[in-house]
PDB file of N, CA and C in Angstrom:
ATOM      1  N   UNK A   1      62.018  11.080 -18.351  1.00  0.00           N
ATOM      2  CA  UNK A   1      61.314  10.190 -19.330  1.00  0.00           C
ATOM      3  C   UNK A   1      60.966   8.718 -18.487  1.00  0.00           C
ATOM      4  N   UNK A   2      61.821   8.635 -17.715  1.00  0.00           N
ATOM      5  CA  UNK A   2      61.754   7.049 -17.058  1.00  0.00           C
ATOM      6  C   UNK A   2      60.462   7.296 -16.146  1.00  0.00           C
ATOM      7  N   UNK A   3      60.326   8.551 -15.466  1.00  0.00           N
ATOM      8  CA  UNK A   3      59.089   8.903 -14.781  1.00  0.00           C
ATOM      9  C   UNK A   3      57.818   8.698 -15.517  1.00  0.00           C
ATOM     10  N   UNK A   4      57.852   9.357 -16.659  1.00  0.00           N
ATOM     11  CA  UNK A   4      56.668   9.267 -17.547  1.00  0.00           C
ATOM     12  C   UNK A   4      56.495   7.644 -17.929  1.00  0.00           C
ATOM     13  N   UNK A   5      57.555   7.165 -18.207  1.00  0.00           N
ATOM     14  CA  UNK A   5      57.211   5.722 -18.467  1.00  0.00           C
ATOM     15  C   UNK A   5      56.600   4.854 -17.557  1.00  0.00           C
ATOM     16  N   UNK A   6      57.128   5.060 -16.377  1.00  0.00           N
ATOM     17  CA  UNK A   6      56.576   4.294 -15.098  1.00  0.00           C
ATOM     18  C   UNK A   6      55.003   4.600 -14.898  1.00  0.00           C
ATOM     19  N   UNK A   7      54.605   5.775 -15.040  1.00  0.00           N
ATOM     20  CA  UNK A   7      53.245   6.147 -14.930  1.00  0.00           C
ATOM     21  C   UNK A   7      52.358   5.457 -16.115  1.00  0.00           C
ATOM     22  N   UNK A   8      53.042   5.330 -17.180  1.00  0.00           N
ATOM     23  CA  UNK A   8      52.357   4.960 -18.483  1.00  0.00           C
ATOM     24  C   UNK A   8      52.344   3.355 -18.523  1.00  0.00           C
ATOM     25  N   UNK A   9      53.560   2.795 -18.306  1.00  0.00           N
ATOM     26  CA  UNK A   9      53.969   1.291 -18.459  1.00  0.00           C
ATOM     27  C   UNK A   9      53.491   0.598 -17.213  1.00  0.00           C
ATOM     28  N   UNK A  10      54.072   1.084 -16.075  1.00  0.00           N
ATOM     29  CA  UNK A  10      54.022   0.160 -14.917  1.00  0.00           C
ATOM     30  C   UNK A  10      55.449  -0.493 -14.733  1.00  0.00           C
ATOM     31  N   UNK A  11      55.431  -1.343 -13.684  1.00  0.00           N
ATOM     32  CA  UNK A  11      56.623  -2.027 -13.337  1.00  0.00           C
ATOM     33  C   UNK A  11      57.393  -3.137 -14.108  1.00  0.00           C
ATOM     34  N   UNK A  12      56.589  -4.103 -14.606  1.00  0.00           N
ATOM     35  CA  UNK A  12      57.043  -5.216 -15.444  1.00  0.00           C
ATOM     36  C   UNK A  12      57.881  -4.649 -16.622  1.00  0.00           C
ATOM     37  N   UNK A  13      57.041  -4.102 -17.511  1.00  0.00           N
ATOM     38  CA  UNK A  13      57.766  -3.572 -18.775  1.00  0.00           C
ATOM     39  C   UNK A  13      58.944  -2.674 -18.483  1.00  0.00           C
ATOM     40  N   UNK A  14      58.732  -1.727 -17.437  1.00  0.00           N
ATOM     41  CA  UNK A  14      60.016  -0.743 -17.104  1.00  0.00           C
ATOM     42  C   UNK A  14      61.177  -1.415 -16.771  1.00  0.00           C
ATOM     43  N   UNK A  15      60.979  -2.554 -15.896  1.00  0.00           N
ATOM     44  CA  UNK A  15      62.053  -3.335 -15.250  1.00  0.00           C
ATOM     45  C   UNK A  15      62.731  -4.183 -16.539  1.00  0.00           C
ATOM     46  N   UNK A  16      62.068  -4.674 -17.360  1.00  0.00           N
ATOM     47  CA  UNK A  16      62.541  -5.212 -18.565  1.00  0.00           C
ATOM     48  C   UNK A  16      63.430  -4.333 -19.284  1.00  0.00           C
ATOM     49  N   UNK A  17      62.756  -3.282 -19.602  1.00  0.00           N
ATOM     50  CA  UNK A  17      63.718  -2.229 -20.368  1.00  0.00           C
ATOM     51  C   UNK A  17      64.858  -1.635 -19.849  1.00  0.00           C
ATOM     52  N   UNK A  18      64.958  -1.701 -18.454  1.00  0.00           N
ATOM     53  CA  UNK A  18      66.211  -1.153 -17.728  1.00  0.00           C
ATOM     54  C   UNK A  18      66.964  -2.191 -17.060  1.00  0.00           C
ATOM     55  N   UNK A  19      66.688  -3.639 -17.338  1.00  0.00           N
ATOM     56  CA  UNK A  19      67.359  -4.563 -16.789  1.00  0.00           C
ATOM     57  C   UNK A  19      67.476  -4.526 -15.147  1.00  0.00           C
ATOM     58  N   UNK A  20      66.423  -4.181 -14.666  1.00  0.00           N
ATOM     59  CA  UNK A  20      66.345  -4.204 -13.052  1.00  0.00           C
ATOM     60  C   UNK A  20      65.130  -5.101 -12.676  1.00  0.00           C
ATOM     61  N   UNK A  21      65.051  -5.438 -11.517  1.00  0.00           N
ATOM     62  CA  UNK A  21      63.837  -6.243 -10.942  1.00  0.00           C
ATOM     63  C   UNK A  21      62.835  -5.379 -10.784  1.00  0.00           C
ATOM     64  N   UNK A  22      61.559  -6.046 -10.808  1.00  0.00           N
ATOM     65  CA  UNK A  22      60.344  -5.231 -10.607  1.00  0.00           C
ATOM     66  C   UNK A  22      60.273  -4.540  -9.222  1.00  0.00           C
ATOM     67  N   UNK A  23      60.844  -5.082  -8.248  1.00  0.00           N
ATOM     68  CA  UNK A  23      60.949  -4.513  -6.891  1.00  0.00           C
ATOM     69  C   UNK A  23      61.893  -3.220  -6.883  1.00  0.00           C
ATOM     70  N   UNK A  24      62.989  -3.254  -7.618  1.00  0.00           N
ATOM     71  CA  UNK A  24      63.742  -2.263  -7.609  1.00  0.00           C
ATOM     72  C   UNK A  24      63.105  -0.996  -8.470  1.00  0.00           C
ATOM     73  N   UNK A  25      62.393  -1.342  -9.330  1.00  0.00           N
ATOM     74  CA  UNK A  25      61.608  -0.213 -10.062  1.00  0.00           C
ATOM     75  C   UNK A  25      60.620   0.395  -9.186  1.00  0.00           C
ATOM     76  N   UNK A  26      59.795  -0.595  -8.477  1.00  0.00           N
ATOM     77  CA  UNK A  26      58.794  -0.155  -7.419  1.00  0.00           C
ATOM     78  C   UNK A  26      59.366   0.668  -6.447  1.00  0.00           C
ATOM     79  N   UNK A  27      60.553   0.372  -5.809  1.00  0.00           N
ATOM     80  CA  UNK A  27      61.277   1.026  -4.692  1.00  0.00           C
ATOM     81  C   UNK A  27      61.655   2.389  -5.218  1.00  0.00           C
ATOM     82  N   UNK A  28      62.212   2.590  -6.362  1.00  0.00           N
ATOM     83  CA  UNK A  28      62.501   3.794  -6.942  1.00  0.00           C
ATOM     84  C   UNK A  28      61.507   4.707  -7.226  1.00  0.00           C
ATOM     85  N   UNK A  29      60.430   4.064  -7.716  1.00  0.00           N
ATOM     86  CA  UNK A  29      59.165   4.942  -7.897  1.00  0.00           C
ATOM     87  C   UNK A  29      58.432   5.475  -6.433  1.00  0.00           C
ATOM     88  N   UNK A  30      58.609   4.638  -5.582  1.00  0.00           N
ATOM     89  CA  UNK A  30      58.117   5.087  -4.352  1.00  0.00           C
ATOM     90  C   UNK A  30      58.999   6.240  -3.680  1.00  0.00           C
ATOM     91  N   UNK A  31      60.350   6.035  -3.848  1.00  0.00           N
ATOM     92  CA  UNK A  31      61.467   6.806  -3.373  1.00  0.00           C
ATOM     93  C   UNK A  31      61.155   8.313  -4.193  1.00  0.00           C
ATOM     94  N   UNK A  32      60.628   8.344  -5.436  1.00  0.00           N
ATOM     95  CA  UNK A  32      60.569   9.516  -6.134  1.00  0.00           C
ATOM     96  C   UNK A  32      59.121   9.984  -6.076  1.00  0.00           C
ATOM     97  N   UNK A  33      58.126   9.331  -5.339  1.00  0.00           N
ATOM     98  CA  UNK A  33      56.809   9.607  -5.282  1.00  0.00           C
ATOM     99  C   UNK A  33      56.061   9.775  -6.415  1.00  0.00           C
ATOM    100  N   UNK A  34      56.460   8.679  -7.333  1.00  0.00           N
ATOM    101  CA  UNK A  34      55.879   8.623  -8.646  1.00  0.00           C
ATOM    102  C   UNK A  34      54.677   7.304  -8.538  1.00  0.00           C
ATOM    103  N   UNK A  35      53.527   7.667  -9.052  1.00  0.00           N
ATOM    104  CA  UNK A  35      52.421   6.549  -8.651  1.00  0.00           C
ATOM    105  C   UNK A  35      52.231   5.999 -10.223  1.00  0.00           C
ATOM    106  N   UNK A  36      51.965   4.811 -10.243  1.00  0.00           N
ATOM    107  CA  UNK A  36      51.552   4.019 -11.412  1.00  0.00           C
ATOM    108  C   UNK A  36      50.124   4.246 -11.745  1.00  0.00           C
ATOM    109  N   UNK A  37      49.537   4.941 -12.822  1.00  0.00           N
ATOM    110  CA  UNK A  37      48.189   4.948 -12.872  1.00  0.00           C
ATOM    111  C   UNK A  37      47.865   4.238 -14.381  1.00  0.00           C
ATOM    112  N   UNK A  38      47.649   3.005 -14.276  1.00  0.00           N
ATOM    113  CA  UNK A  38      47.369   2.170 -15.419  1.00  0.00           C
ATOM    114  C   UNK A  38      45.973   2.817 -16.167  1.00  0.00           C
ATOM    115  N   UNK A  39      46.120   2.533 -17.489  1.00  0.00           N
ATOM    116  CA  UNK A  39      44.841   3.128 -18.144  1.00  0.00           C
ATOM    117  C   UNK A  39      43.475   2.148 -17.778  1.00  0.00           C
ATOM    118  N   UNK A  40      42.513   2.672 -17.719  1.00  0.00           N
ATOM    119  CA  UNK A  40      41.351   1.825 -17.256  1.00  0.00           C
ATOM    120  C   UNK A  40      40.490   1.690 -18.353  1.00  0.00           C
ATOM    121  N   UNK A  41      39.932   0.456 -18.578  1.00  0.00           N
ATOM    122  CA  UNK A  41      39.094   0.122 -19.575  1.00  0.00           C
ATOM    123  C   UNK A  41      37.784   0.451 -19.423  1.00  0.00           C
ATOM    124  N   UNK A  42      37.220   0.554 -18.183  1.00  0.00           N
ATOM    125  CA  UNK A  42      35.881   0.897 -17.909  1.00  0.00           C
ATOM    126  C   UNK A  42      35.616   2.394 -17.976  1.00  0.00           C
ATOM    127  N   UNK A  43      34.701   2.678 -18.571  1.00  0.00           N
ATOM    128  CA  UNK A  43      34.305   4.020 -18.656  1.00  0.00           C
ATOM    129  C   UNK A  43      33.761   4.829 -17.256  1.00  0.00           C
ATOM    130  N   UNK A  44      34.098   6.134 -17.324  1.00  0.00           N
ATOM    131  CA  UNK A  44      33.646   6.605 -15.994  1.00  0.00           C
ATOM    132  C   UNK A  44      32.034   6.891 -15.861  1.00  0.00           C
ATOM    133  N   UNK A  45      31.544   6.867 -14.799  1.00  0.00           N
ATOM    134  CA  UNK A  45      30.166   6.998 -14.555  1.00  0.00           C
ATOM    135  C   UNK A  45      29.659   8.260 -14.887  1.00  0.00           C
ATOM    136  N   UNK A  46      28.655   8.393 -15.536  1.00  0.00           N
ATOM    137  CA  UNK A  46      28.053   9.827 -15.813  1.00  0.00           C
ATOM    138  C   UNK A  46      26.911  10.183 -14.729  1.00  0.00           C
ATOM    139  N   UNK A  47      26.729  11.468 -14.797  1.00  0.00           N
ATOM    140  CA  UNK A  47      25.866  11.818 -13.897  1.00  0.00           C
ATOM    141  C   UNK A  47      24.419  11.056 -14.004  1.00  0.00           C
ATOM    142  N   UNK A  48      23.952  10.783 -15.175  1.00  0.00           N
ATOM    143  CA  UNK A  48      22.768  10.154 -15.528  1.00  0.00           C
ATOM    144  C   UNK A  48      22.897   8.847 -14.816  1.00  0.00           C
ATOM    145  N   UNK A  49      24.000   7.967 -14.708  1.00  0.00           N
ATOM    146  CA  UNK A  49      24.000   6.850 -14.491  1.00  0.00           C
ATOM    147  C   UNK A  49      24.145   6.763 -12.806  1.00  0.00           C
ATOM    148  N   UNK A  50      24.712   7.787 -12.161  1.00  0.00           N
ATOM    149  CA  UNK A  50      24.628   7.993 -10.775  1.00  0.00           C
ATOM    150  C   UNK A  50      23.338   8.189 -10.366  1.00  0.00           C
ATOM    151  N   UNK A  51      22.507   9.054 -11.066  1.00  0.00           N
ATOM    152  CA  UNK A  51      21.136   9.300 -10.703  1.00  0.00           C
ATOM    153  C   UNK A  51      20.180   7.958 -10.816  1.00  0.00           C
ATOM    154  N   UNK A  52      20.377   7.191 -11.768  1.00  0.00           N
ATOM    155  CA  UNK A  52      19.794   5.945 -11.992  1.00  0.00           C
ATOM    156  C   UNK A  52      20.275   5.043 -10.880  1.00  0.00           C
ATOM    157  N   UNK A  53      21.452   5.005 -10.510  1.00  0.00           N
ATOM    158  CA  UNK A  53      21.935   4.054  -9.404  1.00  0.00           C
ATOM    159  C   UNK A  53      21.287   4.409  -8.246  1.00  0.00           C
ATOM    160  N   UNK A  54      21.097   5.741  -7.853  1.00  0.00           N
ATOM    161  CA  UNK A  54      20.436   6.105  -6.488  1.00  0.00           C
ATOM    162  C   UNK A  54      19.099   5.674  -6.599  1.00  0.00           C
ATOM    163  N   UNK A  55      18.424   6.133  -7.710  1.00  0.00           N
ATOM    164  CA  UNK A  55      16.986   5.719  -7.778  1.00  0.00           C
ATOM    165  C   UNK A  55      16.706   4.116  -7.679  1.00  0.00           C
ATOM    166  N   UNK A  56      17.441   3.409  -8.393  1.00  0.00           N
ATOM    167  CA  UNK A  56      17.022   2.042  -8.659  1.00  0.00           C
ATOM    168  C   UNK A  56      17.512   1.223  -7.325  1.00  0.00           C
ATOM    169  N   UNK A  57      18.715   1.756  -6.644  1.00  0.00           N
ATOM    170  CA  UNK A  57      18.996   1.230  -5.330  1.00  0.00           C
ATOM    171  C   UNK A  57      17.898   1.455  -4.385  1.00  0.00           C
ATOM    172  N   UNK A  58      17.301   2.420  -4.237  1.00  0.00           N
ATOM    173  CA  UNK A  58      16.167   2.601  -3.409  1.00  0.00           C
ATOM    174  C   UNK A  58      15.056   1.680  -3.726  1.00  0.00           C
ATOM    175  N   UNK A  59      14.661   1.454  -4.898  1.00  0.00           N
ATOM    176  CA  UNK A  59      13.779   0.667  -5.342  1.00  0.00           C
ATOM    177  C   UNK A  59      13.858  -0.840  -5.211  1.00  0.00           C
ATOM    178  N   UNK A  60      15.056  -1.322  -5.404  1.00  0.00           N
ATOM    179  CA  UNK A  60      15.184  -2.693  -5.434  1.00  0.00           C
ATOM    180  C   UNK A  60      16.650  -3.388  -5.385  1.00  0.00           C
ATOM    181  N   UNK A  61      17.659  -2.479  -4.846  1.00  0.00           N
ATOM    182  CA  UNK A  61      18.987  -2.892  -4.678  1.00  0.00           C
ATOM    183  C   UNK A  61      19.629  -3.268  -5.839  1.00  0.00           C
ATOM    184  N   UNK A  62      20.496  -4.408  -5.723  1.00  0.00           N
ATOM    185  CA  UNK A  62      21.589  -4.762  -6.972  1.00  0.00           C
ATOM    186  C   UNK A  62      20.721  -5.319  -8.049  1.00  0.00           C
ATOM    187  N   UNK A  63      19.593  -6.044  -7.778  1.00  0.00           N
ATOM    188  CA  UNK A  63      19.025  -6.649  -8.920  1.00  0.00           C
ATOM    189  C   UNK A  63      18.211  -5.560  -9.837  1.00  0.00           C
ATOM    190  N   UNK A  64      17.845  -4.396  -9.116  1.00  0.00           N
ATOM    191  CA  UNK A  64      17.248  -3.313  -9.785  1.00  0.00           C
ATOM    192  C   UNK A  64      18.258  -2.548 -10.608  1.00  0.00           C
ATOM    193  N   UNK A  65      19.461  -2.417 -10.144  1.00  0.00           N
ATOM    194  CA  UNK A  65      20.439  -1.615 -10.597  1.00  0.00           C
ATOM    195  C   UNK A  65      21.028  -2.414 -11.732  1.00  0.00           C
ATOM    196  N   UNK A  66      21.238  -3.759 -11.659  1.00  0.00           N
ATOM    197  CA  UNK A  66      21.811  -4.451 -12.779  1.00  0.00           C
ATOM    198  C   UNK A  66      20.952  -4.494 -14.131  1.00  0.00           C
ATOM    199  N   UNK A  67      19.411  -4.263 -13.728  1.00  0.00           N
ATOM    200  CA  UNK A  67      18.624  -4.437 -14.863  1.00  0.00           C
ATOM    201  C   UNK A  67      18.664  -3.120 -15.420  1.00  0.00           C
ATOM    202  N   UNK A  68      18.659  -1.927 -14.809  1.00  0.00           N
ATOM    203  CA  UNK A  68      18.808  -0.728 -15.356  1.00  0.00           C
ATOM    204  C   UNK A  68      20.179  -0.288 -15.897  1.00  0.00           C
ATOM    205  N   UNK A  69      21.279  -0.796 -15.379  1.00  0.00           N
ATOM    206  CA  UNK A  69      22.526  -0.724 -16.031  1.00  0.00           C
ATOM    207  C   UNK A  69      23.376  -1.922 -16.329  1.00  0.00           C
ATOM    208  N   UNK A  70      22.881  -2.549 -17.373  1.00  0.00           N
ATOM    209  CA  UNK A  70      23.498  -3.901 -17.405  1.00  0.00           C
ATOM    210  C   UNK A  70      24.921  -3.931 -18.010  1.00  0.00           C
ATOM    211  N   UNK A  71      25.507  -2.966 -18.318  1.00  0.00           N
ATOM    212  CA  UNK A  71      26.795  -2.830 -18.785  1.00  0.00           C
ATOM    213  C   UNK A  71      27.814  -2.799 -17.591  1.00  0.00           C
ATOM    214  N   UNK A  72      27.148  -2.478 -16.413  1.00  0.00           N
ATOM    215  CA  UNK A  72      28.134  -2.254 -15.057  1.00  0.00           C
ATOM    216  C   UNK A  72      28.209  -3.677 -14.496  1.00  0.00           C
ATOM    217  N   UNK A  73      29.411  -4.048 -13.725  1.00  0.00           N
ATOM    218  CA  UNK A  73      29.442  -5.177 -13.147  1.00  0.00           C
ATOM    219  C   UNK A  73      28.966  -5.049 -11.811  1.00  0.00           C
ATOM    220  N   UNK A  74      28.772  -6.116 -10.948  1.00  0.00           N
ATOM    221  CA  UNK A  74      28.330  -5.981  -9.765  1.00  0.00           C
ATOM    222  C   UNK A  74      29.360  -5.275  -8.745  1.00  0.00           C
ATOM    223  N   UNK A  75      30.532  -5.485  -8.982  1.00  0.00           N
ATOM    224  CA  UNK A  75      31.661  -4.829  -8.182  1.00  0.00           C
ATOM    225  C   UNK A  75      31.692  -3.280  -8.632  1.00  0.00           C
ATOM    226  N   UNK A  76      31.334  -2.922  -9.763  1.00  0.00           N
ATOM    227  CA  UNK A  76      31.486  -1.700  -9.972  1.00  0.00           C
ATOM    228  C   UNK A  76      30.239  -0.897  -9.342  1.00  0.00           C
ATOM    229  N   UNK A  77      29.036  -1.517  -9.416  1.00  0.00           N
ATOM    230  CA  UNK A  77      27.801  -1.026  -8.730  1.00  0.00           C
ATOM    231  C   UNK A  77      27.993  -0.996  -7.230  1.00  0.00           C
ATOM    232  N   UNK A  78      28.640  -1.890  -6.589  1.00  0.00           N
ATOM    233  CA  UNK A  78      28.824  -1.992  -5.159  1.00  0.00           C
ATOM    234  C   UNK A  78      29.514  -0.631  -4.697  1.00  0.00           C
ATOM    235  N   UNK A  79      30.739  -0.683  -5.587  1.00  0.00           N
ATOM    236  CA  UNK A  79      31.722   0.391  -5.216  1.00  0.00           C
ATOM    237  C   UNK A  79      31.115   1.936  -5.206  1.00  0.00           C
ATOM    238  N   UNK A  80      30.198   2.109  -6.442  1.00  0.00           N
ATOM    239  CA  UNK A  80      29.260   3.316  -6.528  1.00  0.00           C
ATOM    240  C   UNK A  80      28.509   3.462  -5.483  1.00  0.00           C
ATOM    241  N   UNK A  81      27.733   2.356  -4.911  1.00  0.00           N
ATOM    242  CA  UNK A  81      26.836   2.610  -3.853  1.00  0.00           C
ATOM    243  C   UNK A  81      27.561   3.165  -2.870  1.00  0.00           C
ATOM    244  N   UNK A  82      28.559   2.506  -2.472  1.00  0.00           N
ATOM    245  CA  UNK A  82      29.191   3.075  -1.007  1.00  0.00           C
ATOM    246  C   UNK A  82      29.879   4.438  -1.169  1.00  0.00           C
ATOM    247  N   UNK A  83      30.212   4.695  -2.462  1.00  0.00           N
ATOM    248  CA  UNK A  83      30.767   6.063  -2.666  1.00  0.00           C
ATOM    249  C   UNK A  83      29.487   7.123  -2.693  1.00  0.00           C
ATOM    250  N   UNK A  84      28.548   6.806  -3.212  1.00  0.00           N
ATOM    251  CA  UNK A  84      27.361   7.820  -3.597  1.00  0.00           C
ATOM    252  C   UNK A  84      26.203   7.675  -2.730  1.00  0.00           C
ATOM    253  N   UNK A  85      25.852   6.577  -1.974  1.00  0.00           N
ATOM    254  CA  UNK A  85      24.902   6.477  -1.084  1.00  0.00           C
ATOM    255  C   UNK A  85      25.380   6.267   0.255  1.00  0.00           C
ATOM    256  N   UNK A  86      25.563   7.666   0.813  1.00  0.00           N
ATOM    257  CA  UNK A  86      26.114   7.891   2.313  1.00  0.00           C
ATOM    258  C   UNK A  86      25.408   7.047   3.289  1.00  0.00           C
ATOM    259  N   UNK A  87      25.809   6.506   4.347  1.00  0.00           N
ATOM    260  CA  UNK A  87      24.827   6.149   5.452  1.00  0.00           C
ATOM    261  C   UNK A  87      24.481   7.228   6.201  1.00  0.00           C
ATOM    262  N   UNK A  88      24.979   8.496   6.319  1.00  0.00           N
ATOM    263  CA  UNK A  88      24.623   9.578   7.209  1.00  0.00           C
ATOM    264  C   UNK A  88      23.292  10.190   6.434  1.00  0.00           C
ATOM    265  N   UNK A  89      23.151   9.885   5.123  1.00  0.00           N
ATOM    266  CA  UNK A  89      22.009  10.432   4.475  1.00  0.00           C
ATOM    267  C   UNK A  89      20.694   9.419   4.497  1.00  0.00           C
ATOM    268  N   UNK A  90      20.780   8.472   5.450  1.00  0.00           N
ATOM    269  CA  UNK A  90      19.901   7.379   5.323  1.00  0.00           C
ATOM    270  C   UNK A  90      19.269   7.349   6.812  1.00  0.00           C
ATOM    271  N   UNK A  91      18.087   6.732   6.891  1.00  0.00           N
ATOM    272  CA  UNK A  91      17.415   6.556   8.276  1.00  0.00           C
ATOM    273  C   UNK A  91      18.088   5.223   8.836  1.00  0.00           C
ATOM    274  N   UNK A  92      17.802   5.078   9.895  1.00  0.00           N
ATOM    275  CA  UNK A  92      18.306   3.951  10.783  1.00  0.00           C
ATOM    276  C   UNK A  92      17.862   2.535   9.983  1.00  0.00           C
ATOM    277  N   UNK A  93      16.686   2.551   9.804  1.00  0.00           N
ATOM    278  CA  UNK A  93      16.261   1.176   9.175  1.00  0.00           C
ATOM    279  C   UNK A  93      16.802   0.936   7.898  1.00  0.00           C
ATOM    280  N   UNK A  94      17.043   2.012   6.969  1.00  0.00           N
ATOM    281  CA  UNK A  94      17.783   1.901   5.599  1.00  0.00           C
ATOM    282  C   UNK A  94      19.071   1.465   5.849  1.00  0.00           C
ATOM    283  N   UNK A  95      19.934   2.039   6.856  1.00  0.00           N
ATOM    284  CA  UNK A  95      21.223   1.722   7.097  1.00  0.00           C
ATOM    285  C   UNK A  95      21.253   0.178   7.572  1.00  0.00           C
ATOM    286  N   UNK A  96      20.352  -0.252   8.435  1.00  0.00           N
ATOM    287  CA  UNK A  96      20.245  -1.714   8.797  1.00  0.00           C
ATOM    288  C   UNK A  96      20.266  -2.672   7.571  1.00  0.00           C
ATOM    289  N   UNK A  97      19.087  -2.167   6.698  1.00  0.00           N
ATOM    290  CA  UNK A  97      19.000  -2.963   5.254  1.00  0.00           C
ATOM    291  C   UNK A  97      20.244  -3.035   4.468  1.00  0.00           C
ATOM    292  N   UNK A  98      20.987  -1.608   4.501  1.00  0.00           N
ATOM    293  CA  UNK A  98      22.189  -1.676   3.628  1.00  0.00           C
ATOM    294  C   UNK A  98      23.252  -2.707   4.305  1.00  0.00           C
ATOM    295  N   UNK A  99      23.461  -2.463   5.664  1.00  0.00           N
ATOM    296  CA  UNK A  99      24.221  -3.477   6.162  1.00  0.00           C
ATOM    297  C   UNK A  99      24.015  -4.983   5.861  1.00  0.00           C
ATOM    298  N   UNK A 100      22.766  -5.278   5.843  1.00  0.00           N
ATOM    299  CA  UNK A 100      22.224  -6.690   5.472  1.00  0.00           C
ATOM    300  C   UNK A 100      22.668  -6.929   4.129  1.00  0.00           C
ATOM    301  N   UNK A 101      22.318  -5.962   3.106  1.00  0.00           N
ATOM    302  CA  UNK A 101      22.695  -6.369   1.615  1.00  0.00           C
ATOM    303  C   UNK A 101      24.164  -6.327   1.599  1.00  0.00           C
ATOM    304  N   UNK A 102      24.838  -5.560   2.252  1.00  0.00           N
ATOM    305  CA  UNK A 102      26.549  -5.629   2.222  1.00  0.00           C
ATOM    306  C   UNK A 102      26.991  -6.973   2.788  1.00  0.00           C
ATOM    307  N   UNK A 103      26.437  -7.418   3.699  1.00  0.00           N
ATOM    308  CA  UNK A 103      26.781  -8.747   4.314  1.00  0.00           C
ATOM    309  C   UNK A 103      26.679  -9.930   3.127  1.00  0.00           C
ATOM    310  N   UNK A 104      25.255  -9.663   2.641  1.00  0.00           N
ATOM    311  CA  UNK A 104      24.856 -10.625   1.643  1.00  0.00           C
ATOM    312  C   UNK A 104      25.956 -10.673   0.359  1.00  0.00           C
ATOM    313  N   UNK A 105      26.184  -9.460  -0.142  1.00  0.00           N
ATOM    314  CA  UNK A 105      27.104  -9.361  -1.373  1.00  0.00           C
ATOM    315  C   UNK A 105      28.675  -9.903  -0.902  1.00  0.00           C
ATOM    316  N   UNK A 106      29.064  -9.640   0.334  1.00  0.00           N
ATOM    317  CA  UNK A 106      30.378 -10.285   0.593  1.00  0.00           C
ATOM    318  C   UNK A 106      30.400 -11.545   0.422  1.00  0.00           C
ATOM    319  N   UNK A 107      29.279 -12.360   0.622  1.00  0.00           N
ATOM    320  CA  UNK A 107      29.349 -13.655   0.615  1.00  0.00           C
ATOM    321  C   UNK A 107      29.194 -14.281  -0.870  1.00  0.00           C
ATOM    322  N   UNK A 108      28.845 -13.430  -1.916  1.00  0.00           N
ATOM    323  CA  UNK A 108      28.887 -13.832  -3.079  1.00  0.00           C
ATOM    324  C   UNK A 108      30.120 -13.924  -3.920  1.00  0.00           C
TER     325      UNK A 108
END
């Protein structure tokens, strides 16, 4: 039961319930190889959204993707770009442009 609660609640609530420190709960979870997977509020990306991401990224980068997918944050878009648009699938010039965009995004 404690393992299931850790996976659902995380360290702070479980530490309070057990009268232990957060670090003690984390250590025991690590020792038992149990990971904490919080419920995520953001919906998963659909295949259509991934397709739109790829098309719009090629056309105009982040501004184009933001216009096409207004419900997605900049960070969510950047994460999906690096997951779904692989540098090996791109030409040298496209990779150079991607690196420039990535440097620009890190500054924002």
